[in-house]
C-alpha atoms as a PDB file:
ATOM      1  CA  MET A   1      84.873-115.454 -22.825  1.00  0.00           C
ATOM      2  CA  THR A   2      85.243-119.201 -22.380  1.00  0.00           C
ATOM      3  CA  LEU A   3      87.975-120.155 -19.909  1.00  0.00           C
ATOM      4  CA  THR A   4      90.425-122.941 -20.720  1.00  0.00           C
ATOM      5  CA  PRO A   5      93.602-124.176 -19.009  1.00  0.00           C
ATOM      6  CA  ALA A   6      95.412-121.442 -20.971  1.00  0.00           C
ATOM      7  CA  HIS A   7      93.578-118.824 -18.891  1.00  0.00           C
ATOM      8  CA  ARG A   8      95.584-119.770 -15.843  1.00  0.00           C
ATOM      9  CA  ASP A   9      97.958-117.193 -17.317  1.00  0.00           C
ATOM     10  CA  VAL A  10      96.995-113.561 -16.677  1.00  0.00           C
ATOM     11  CA  VAL A  11      98.205-112.531 -20.126  1.00  0.00           C
ATOM     12  CA  THR A  12      95.728-114.893 -21.835  1.00  0.00           C
ATOM     13  CA  ILE A  13      92.839-113.456 -19.825  1.00  0.00           C
ATOM     14  CA  ALA A  14      93.946-109.918 -20.662  1.00  0.00           C
ATOM     15  CA  ASP A  15      94.309-110.700 -24.382  1.00  0.00           C
ATOM     16  CA  ASP A  16      90.770-112.073 -24.582  1.00  0.00           C
ATOM     17  CA  VAL A  17      89.269-109.130 -22.708  1.00  0.00           C
ATOM     18  CA  VAL A  18      91.179-106.687 -24.911  1.00  0.00           C
ATOM     19  CA  ALA A  19      89.896-108.442 -28.048  1.00  0.00           C
ATOM     20  CA  ALA A  20      86.308-108.144 -26.767  1.00  0.00           C
ATOM     21  CA  VAL A  21      86.783-104.437 -25.976  1.00  0.00           C
ATOM     22  CA  VAL A  22      88.075-103.822 -29.500  1.00  0.00           C
ATOM     23  CA  ARG A  23      84.995-105.520 -30.974  1.00  0.00           C
ATOM     24  CA  LEU A  24      82.844-103.093 -28.975  1.00  0.00           C
ATOM     25  CA  GLY A  25      84.651-100.105 -30.450  1.00  0.00           C
ATOM     26  CA  GLY A  26      87.309 -99.541 -27.818  1.00  0.00           C
ATOM     27  CA  ARG A  27      90.297 -97.559 -29.071  1.00  0.00           C
ATOM     28  CA  THR A  28      92.605 -97.396 -26.050  1.00  0.00           C
ATOM     29  CA  THR A  29      93.315-101.106 -25.589  1.00  0.00           C
ATOM     30  CA  GLU A  30      96.935-100.637 -26.622  1.00  0.00           C
ATOM     31  CA  PHE A  31      97.334 -99.231 -23.120  1.00  0.00           C
ATOM     32  CA  ILE A  32      96.630-102.682 -21.682  1.00  0.00           C
ATOM     33  CA  ARG A  33      99.203-104.342 -23.929  1.00  0.00           C
ATOM     34  CA  GLU A  34     101.786-101.733 -23.000  1.00  0.00           C
ATOM     35  CA  TYR A  35     100.898-102.198 -19.342  1.00  0.00           C
ATOM     36  CA  LEU A  36     101.452-105.943 -19.589  1.00  0.00           C
ATOM     37  CA  ARG A  37     104.767-105.503 -21.384  1.00  0.00           C
ATOM     38  CA  ALA A  38     105.926-103.085 -18.694  1.00  0.00           C
ATOM     39  CA  LYS A  39     105.304-105.614 -15.945  1.00  0.00           C
ATOM     40  CA  THR A  40     108.251-107.934 -15.420  1.00  0.00           C
ATOM     41  CA  ASN A  41     105.889-110.452 -13.810  1.00  0.00           C
ATOM     42  CA  PRO A  42     102.229-110.058 -14.890  1.00  0.00           C
ATOM     43  CA  GLN A  43     101.146-112.774 -12.439  1.00  0.00           C
ATOM     44  CA  ARG A  44     102.207-110.627  -9.468  1.00  0.00           C
ATOM     45  CA  ALA A  45     100.416-107.616 -10.917  1.00  0.00           C
ATOM     46  CA  ALA A  46      97.126-109.507 -11.221  1.00  0.00           C
ATOM     47  CA  ARG A  47      94.978-107.059  -9.239  1.00  0.00           C
ATOM     48  CA  ASP A  48      96.296-103.952 -11.005  1.00  0.00           C
ATOM     49  CA  ILE A  49      95.802-105.576 -14.390  1.00  0.00           C
ATOM     50  CA  ALA A  50      92.241-106.588 -13.477  1.00  0.00           C
ATOM     51  CA  LEU A  51      91.369-103.016 -12.480  1.00  0.00           C
ATOM     52  CA  ALA A  52      92.789-101.684 -15.747  1.00  0.00           C
ATOM     53  CA  LEU A  53      90.804-104.254 -17.736  1.00  0.00           C
ATOM     54  CA  ALA A  54      87.583-103.398 -15.893  1.00  0.00           C
ATOM     55  CA  ASP A  55      88.086 -99.697 -16.608  1.00  0.00           C
ATOM     56  CA  GLN A  56      88.458-100.488 -20.308  1.00  0.00           C
ATOM     57  CA  ILE A  57      85.256-102.563 -20.289  1.00  0.00           C
ATOM     58  CA  ASN A  58      83.360 -99.790 -18.510  1.00  0.00           C
ATOM     59  CA  GLU A  59      84.601 -97.176 -20.975  1.00  0.00           C
ATOM     60  CA  VAL A  60      82.948 -98.975 -23.906  1.00  0.00           C
ATOM     61  CA  LYS A  61      79.743 -99.137 -21.808  1.00  0.00           C
ATOM     62  CA  ALA A  62      79.438-102.927 -21.937  1.00  0.00           C
ATOM     63  CA  ARG A  63      76.205-104.026 -20.283  1.00  0.00           C
ATOM     64  CA  TRP A  64      77.007-107.722 -19.894  1.00  0.00           C
ATOM     65  CA  LEU A  65      80.142-109.705 -19.158  1.00  0.00           C
ATOM     66  CA  ILE A  66      79.766-113.446 -19.795  1.00  0.00           C
ATOM     67  CA  ILE A  67      82.428-115.898 -18.605  1.00  0.00           C
ATOM     68  CA  ASP A  68      82.012-119.602 -19.323  1.00  0.00           C
ATOM     69  CA  ASP A  69      83.710-122.627 -17.697  1.00  0.00           C
ATOM     70  CA  CYS A  70      85.032-120.861 -14.597  1.00  0.00           C
ATOM     71  CA  HIS A  71      85.889-124.273 -13.124  1.00  0.00           C
ATOM     72  CA  GLU A  72      88.930-124.340 -15.427  1.00  0.00           C
ATOM     73  CA  VAL A  73      90.748-121.995 -13.035  1.00  0.00           C
ATOM     74  CA  ALA A  74      89.281-123.325  -9.784  1.00  0.00           C
ATOM     75  CA  GLY A  75      91.689-123.283  -6.846  1.00  0.00           C
ATOM     76  CA  LEU A  76      94.202-121.009  -8.594  1.00  0.00           C
ATOM     77  CA  ASP A  77      94.889-117.733  -6.803  1.00  0.00           C
ATOM     78  CA  VAL A  78      96.112-115.540  -9.659  1.00  0.00           C
ATOM     79  CA  PRO A  79      93.373-116.033 -12.303  1.00  0.00           C
ATOM     80  CA  ASN A  80      90.678-115.924  -9.624  1.00  0.00           C
ATOM     81  CA  THR A  81      92.120-112.674  -8.285  1.00  0.00           C
ATOM     82  CA  VAL A  82      91.879-111.231 -11.790  1.00  0.00           C
ATOM     83  CA  LEU A  83      88.284-112.385 -12.247  1.00  0.00           C
ATOM     84  CA  ALA A  84      87.044-111.336  -8.809  1.00  0.00           C
ATOM     85  CA  THR A  85      88.698-107.914  -9.004  1.00  0.00           C
ATOM     86  CA  MET A  86      87.575-107.267 -12.567  1.00  0.00           C
ATOM     87  CA  LEU A  87      83.963-108.210 -11.818  1.00  0.00           C
ATOM     88  CA  SER A  88      83.833-106.112  -8.649  1.00  0.00           C
ATOM     89  CA  ARG A  89      84.825-103.039 -10.694  1.00  0.00           C
ATOM     90  CA  PHE A  90      82.590-103.791 -13.703  1.00  0.00           C
ATOM     91  CA  GLY A  91      79.473-101.627 -13.859  1.00  0.00           C
ATOM     92  CA  GLY A  92      77.173-103.998 -15.767  1.00  0.00           C
ATOM     93  CA  ARG A  93      75.630-107.411 -15.257  1.00  0.00           C
ATOM     94  CA  VAL A  94      77.613-110.646 -15.130  1.00  0.00           C
ATOM     95  CA  LEU A  95      76.767-114.200 -16.177  1.00  0.00           C
ATOM     96  CA  LEU A  96      79.108-116.993 -15.037  1.00  0.00           C
ATOM     97  CA  THR A  97      78.937-120.717 -15.741  1.00  0.00           C
ATOM     98  CA  SER A  98      80.899-123.280 -13.771  1.00  0.00           C
ATOM     99  CA  ARG A  99      80.715-126.881 -12.608  1.00  0.00           C
ATOM    100  CA  ILE A 100      81.757-125.715  -9.159  1.00  0.00           C
ATOM    101  CA  ARG A 101      81.179-122.421  -7.382  1.00  0.00           C
ATOM    102  CA  PRO A 102      84.098-119.951  -7.637  1.00  0.00           C
ATOM    103  CA  GLU A 103      85.785-119.481  -4.265  1.00  0.00           C
ATOM    104  CA  TRP A 104      85.182-115.719  -4.263  1.00  0.00           C
ATOM    105  CA  LEU A 105      81.446-116.094  -4.980  1.00  0.00           C
ATOM    106  CA  THR A 106      80.322-116.553  -1.403  1.00  0.00           C
ATOM    107  CA  HIS A 107      77.024-117.805   0.021  1.00  0.00           C
ATOM    108  CA  ARG A 108      76.697-114.435   1.727  1.00  0.00           C
ATOM    109  CA  ARG A 109      76.390-112.733  -1.657  1.00  0.00           C
ATOM    110  CA  VAL A 110      73.617-115.162  -2.611  1.00  0.00           C
ATOM    111  CA  VAL A 111      71.752-114.558   0.667  1.00  0.00           C
ATOM    112  CA  TYR A 112      71.951-110.781   0.244  1.00  0.00           C
ATOM    113  CA  GLY A 113      70.632-110.941  -3.304  1.00  0.00           C
ATOM    114  CA  GLU A 114      73.829-109.872  -5.038  1.00  0.00           C
ATOM    115  CA  VAL A 115      73.948-113.175  -6.908  1.00  0.00           C
ATOM    116  CA  GLU A 116      71.184-115.279  -8.455  1.00  0.00           C
ATOM    117  CA  GLU A 117      72.307-118.905  -8.514  1.00  0.00           C
ATOM    118  CA  ILE A 118      70.884-121.312 -11.108  1.00  0.00           C
ATOM    119  CA  ALA A 119      71.613-124.876 -10.004  1.00  0.00           C
ATOM    120  CA  ARG A 120      71.866-128.075 -12.003  1.00  0.00           C
ATOM    121  CA  ASP A 121      68.260-129.076 -11.260  1.00  0.00           C
ATOM    122  CA  ASP A 122      67.021-125.800 -12.746  1.00  0.00           C
ATOM    123  CA  LEU A 123      68.756-126.619 -16.034  1.00  0.00           C
ATOM    124  CA  ALA A 124      67.704-130.271 -16.301  1.00  0.00           C
ATOM    125  CA  MET A 125      65.758-131.270 -19.392  1.00  0.00           C
ATOM    126  CA  THR A 126      62.189-132.481 -19.133  1.00  0.00           C
ATOM    127  CA  ASN A 127      61.144-135.946 -20.349  1.00  0.00           C
ATOM    128  CA  MET A 128      59.751-134.392 -23.524  1.00  0.00           C
ATOM    129  CA  GLU A 129      63.002-132.547 -24.234  1.00  0.00           C
ATOM    130  CA  THR A 130      64.995-135.717 -23.577  1.00  0.00           C
ATOM    131  CA  ASP A 131      62.753-137.646 -25.995  1.00  0.00           C
ATOM    132  CA  ALA A 132      63.457-135.054 -28.674  1.00  0.00           C
ATOM    133  CA  ILE A 133      67.204-135.708 -28.361  1.00  0.00           C
ATOM    134  CA  LEU A 134      67.382-139.461 -27.760  1.00  0.00           C
ATOM    135  CA  GLY A 135      64.236-140.630 -29.538  1.00  0.00           C
ATOM    136  CA  SER A 136      62.954-144.099 -28.679  1.00  0.00           C
ATOM    137  CA  ARG A 137      66.321-145.895 -28.512  1.00  0.00           C
ATOM    138  CA  SER A 138      65.961-148.620 -25.896  1.00  0.00           C
ATOM    139  CA  ASP A 139      69.742-149.041 -25.607  1.00  0.00           C
ATOM    140  CA  LEU A 140      69.957-145.558 -24.057  1.00  0.00           C
ATOM    141  CA  ALA A 141      67.410-146.238 -21.316  1.00  0.00           C
ATOM    142  CA  GLU A 142      69.956-146.757 -18.505  1.00  0.00           C
ATOM    143  CA  LEU A 143      72.107-143.834 -19.554  1.00  0.00           C
ATOM    144  CA  ARG A 144      68.998-141.677 -19.824  1.00  0.00           C
ATOM    145  CA  ARG A 145      67.996-142.596 -16.275  1.00  0.00           C
ATOM    146  CA  GLN A 146      71.413-141.808 -14.853  1.00  0.00           C
ATOM    147  CA  ALA A 147      71.773-138.572 -16.811  1.00  0.00           C
ATOM    148  CA  ASP A 148      68.707-137.275 -14.965  1.00  0.00           C
ATOM    149  CA  GLY A 149      68.017-134.620 -17.580  1.00  0.00           C
ATOM    150  CA  TRP A 150      71.569-133.223 -17.658  1.00  0.00           C
ATOM    151  CA  PRO A 151      71.899-131.559 -21.128  1.00  0.00           C
ATOM    152  CA  ALA A 152      75.681-131.959 -21.467  1.00  0.00           C
ATOM    153  CA  VAL A 153      75.422-135.745 -21.130  1.00  0.00           C
ATOM    154  CA  LEU A 154      72.292-136.193 -23.232  1.00  0.00           C
ATOM    155  CA  SER A 155      73.617-134.190 -26.167  1.00  0.00           C
ATOM    156  CA  LEU A 156      76.652-136.488 -26.385  1.00  0.00           C
ATOM    157  CA  ALA A 157      74.767-139.699 -25.591  1.00  0.00           C
ATOM    158  CA  ALA A 158      72.700-139.397 -28.786  1.00  0.00           C
ATOM    159  CA  ALA A 159      75.855-140.095 -30.818  1.00  0.00           C
ATOM    160  CA  LEU A 160      76.894-143.231 -28.890  1.00  0.00           C
ATOM    161  CA  ARG A 161      76.575-146.742 -30.285  1.00  0.00           C
ATOM    162  CA  SER A 162      75.370-149.428 -27.829  1.00  0.00           C
ATOM    163  CA  PRO A 163      76.389-147.632 -24.609  1.00  0.00           C
ATOM    164  CA  THR A 164      76.815-149.580 -21.351  1.00  0.00           C
ATOM    165  CA  PRO A 165      77.191-146.955 -18.601  1.00  0.00           C
ATOM    166  CA  PRO A 166      78.509-148.047 -15.192  1.00  0.00           C
ATOM    167  CA  GLN A 167      75.718-148.702 -12.697  1.00  0.00           C
ATOM    168  CA  GLY A 168      75.100-145.981 -10.147  1.00  0.00           C
ATOM    169  CA  ALA A 169      77.798-143.697 -11.515  1.00  0.00           C
ATOM    170  CA  LEU A 170      78.091-140.250  -9.964  1.00  0.00           C
ATOM    171  CA  PRO A 171      77.495-137.339 -12.389  1.00  0.00           C
ATOM    172  CA  GLU A 172      81.194-136.611 -12.911  1.00  0.00           C
ATOM    173  CA  ALA A 173      81.956-140.295 -13.610  1.00  0.00           C
ATOM    174  CA  LEU A 174      79.032-140.486 -16.031  1.00  0.00           C
ATOM    175  CA  HIS A 175      80.285-137.394 -17.841  1.00  0.00           C
ATOM    176  CA  GLN A 176      83.722-138.957 -18.193  1.00  0.00           C
ATOM    177  CA  TYR A 177      82.259-142.243 -19.412  1.00  0.00           C
ATOM    178  CA  VAL A 178      80.173-140.627 -22.155  1.00  0.00           C
ATOM    179  CA  ALA A 179      83.003-138.378 -23.292  1.00  0.00           C
ATOM    180  CA  GLU A 180      85.484-141.274 -23.383  1.00  0.00           C
ATOM    181  CA  GLU A 181      83.100-143.587 -25.264  1.00  0.00           C
ATOM    182  CA  LEU A 182      82.418-140.948 -27.889  1.00  0.00           C
ATOM    183  CA  PHE A 183      86.114-140.089 -28.166  1.00  0.00           C
ATOM    184  CA  GLN A 184      86.905-143.744 -28.893  1.00  0.00           C
ATOM    185  CA  THR A 185      84.513-143.736 -31.864  1.00  0.00           C
ATOM    186  CA  ALA A 186      86.683-141.157 -33.628  1.00  0.00           C
ATOM    187  CA  SER A 187      89.428-142.136 -36.023  1.00  0.00           C
ATOM    188  CA  PRO A 188      93.018-142.031 -34.681  1.00  0.00           C
ATOM    189  CA  GLY A 189      93.707-138.941 -36.772  1.00  0.00           C
ATOM    190  CA  LEU A 190      90.655-137.106 -35.467  1.00  0.00           C
ATOM    191  CA  ARG A 191      91.572-138.005 -31.880  1.00  0.00           C
ATOM    192  CA  GLU A 192      94.892-136.232 -32.327  1.00  0.00           C
ATOM    193  CA  ASP A 193      93.119-133.238 -33.833  1.00  0.00           C
ATOM    194  CA  LEU A 194      90.661-133.137 -30.923  1.00  0.00           C
ATOM    195  CA  MET A 195      93.474-133.132 -28.383  1.00  0.00           C
ATOM    196  CA  THR A 196      94.987-130.194 -30.260  1.00  0.00           C
ATOM    197  CA  LEU A 197      91.610-128.416 -30.238  1.00  0.00           C
ATOM    198  CA  ALA A 198      91.317-128.900 -26.480  1.00  0.00           C
ATOM    199  CA  LEU A 199      94.568-126.981 -25.970  1.00  0.00           C
ATOM    200  CA  LEU A 200      93.508-123.962 -28.032  1.00  0.00           C
ATOM    201  CA  PRO A 201      92.253-120.886 -26.137  1.00  0.00           C
ATOM    202  CA  ARG A 202      89.410-120.424 -28.671  1.00  0.00           C
ATOM    203  CA  LEU A 203      88.203-121.859 -31.977  1.00  0.00           C
ATOM    204  CA  ASP A 204      87.787-118.770 -34.130  1.00  0.00           C
ATOM    205  CA  SER A 205      88.834-118.808 -37.789  1.00  0.00           C
ATOM    206  CA  PRO A 206      92.328-117.257 -37.424  1.00  0.00           C
ATOM    207  CA  VAL A 207      93.322-119.749 -34.707  1.00  0.00           C
ATOM    208  CA  LEU A 208      91.945-122.757 -36.636  1.00  0.00           C
ATOM    209  CA  ASP A 209      93.569-121.607 -39.881  1.00  0.00           C
ATOM    210  CA  THR A 210      96.959-121.235 -38.216  1.00  0.00           C
ATOM    211  CA  THR A 211      96.719-124.572 -36.413  1.00  0.00           C
ATOM    212  CA  PHE A 212      95.254-126.871 -39.087  1.00  0.00           C
ATOM    213  CA  ARG A 213      95.881-124.973 -42.343  1.00  0.00           C
ATOM    214  CA  MET A 214      94.400-126.972 -45.256  1.00  0.00           C
ATOM    215  CA  GLU A 215      92.848-129.507 -42.855  1.00  0.00           C
ATOM    216  CA  ARG A 216      90.751-126.921 -41.028  1.00  0.00           C
ATOM    217  CA  ASP A 217      87.407-127.641 -42.736  1.00  0.00           C
ATOM    218  CA  ARG A 218      87.846-131.412 -42.408  1.00  0.00           C
ATOM    219  CA  VAL A 219      88.517-131.185 -38.671  1.00  0.00           C
ATOM    220  CA  VAL A 220      85.517-128.940 -38.044  1.00  0.00           C
ATOM    221  CA  VAL A 221      83.134-131.044 -40.162  1.00  0.00           C
ATOM    222  CA  GLU A 222      84.204-134.376 -38.627  1.00  0.00           C
ATOM    223  CA  GLY A 223      84.109-132.909 -35.141  1.00  0.00           C
ATOM    224  CA  ARG A 224      80.579-131.614 -35.662  1.00  0.00           C
ATOM    225  CA  GLU A 225      79.353-134.921 -37.089  1.00  0.00           C
ATOM    226  CA  LEU A 226      80.333-136.683 -33.861  1.00  0.00           C
ATOM    227  CA  GLY A 227      79.054-133.934 -31.578  1.00  0.00           C
ATOM    228  CA  PHE A 228      82.496-132.782 -30.428  1.00  0.00           C
ATOM    229  CA  ILE A 229      82.125-129.289 -31.896  1.00  0.00           C
ATOM    230  CA  THR A 230      79.077-127.039 -31.715  1.00  0.00           C
ATOM    231  CA  SER A 231      77.500-125.356 -34.733  1.00  0.00           C
ATOM    232  CA  ASP A 232      77.926-121.938 -33.135  1.00  0.00           C
ATOM    233  CA  SER A 233      79.897-119.177 -34.795  1.00  0.00           C
ATOM    234  CA  PRO A 234      82.654-119.250 -33.771  1.00  0.00           C
ATOM    235  CA  PRO A 235      82.463-122.975 -32.939  1.00  0.00           C
ATOM    236  CA  GLU A 236      83.091-124.311 -29.450  1.00  0.00           C
ATOM    237  CA  LEU A 237      84.455-127.633 -28.250  1.00  0.00           C
ATOM    238  CA  HIS A 238      81.932-129.537 -26.144  1.00  0.00           C
ATOM    239  CA  PRO A 239      82.835-128.769 -22.489  1.00  0.00           C
ATOM    240  CA  LEU A 240      82.858-132.431 -21.419  1.00  0.00           C
ATOM    241  CA  LEU A 241      85.514-133.193 -24.023  1.00  0.00           C
ATOM    242  CA  ARG A 242      87.952-130.606 -22.714  1.00  0.00           C
END
């Protein structure tokens, strides 16, 4: 499950978990939907809903729970209560990705071996891997130096024309610069489509068909050509562009 601003709502989190349970053969997920409908305020029932979701995941004997972009709900009590409670009840392994550490994932849990933390330096690309992406382009030398092997920046930088990154930019500022420069290379129509994509909870075929109708294939193809959309199935919007 990839978190977006839409997942600040408990119902969106529950819907995505229910959909995943159904794909694993779960047959009692209607209980969750009925549970949500029975709650006059699902936000206040966050903990109870999280426990019910975790029980459903455990019943289908899921071994892994993968949640991407946890920073999208950073600092928000309700969605973090759902995530923390659900994960504490889940019987399998968990993989989380986030630009910042979730508040409920404490240093104590790292020290006691409950959590294995993989930091940015562990994920940095080597010089050889960077060469494979950027080639020998001399105009990317400064951006390459500042990116310091960070894959998210390098994968977008390869599509830039004559970049001039700000000197000494901090990682977050460099991310924003690359994303903005690449966004400006898109046509006005594609920019509007990309802003629509960024608001969607996911980019699977039913959602794209409903949103773009006959323009669906054009949006996906143009987005992929510029590096905005991954070639995964279902596709994903590049995290820096959200």
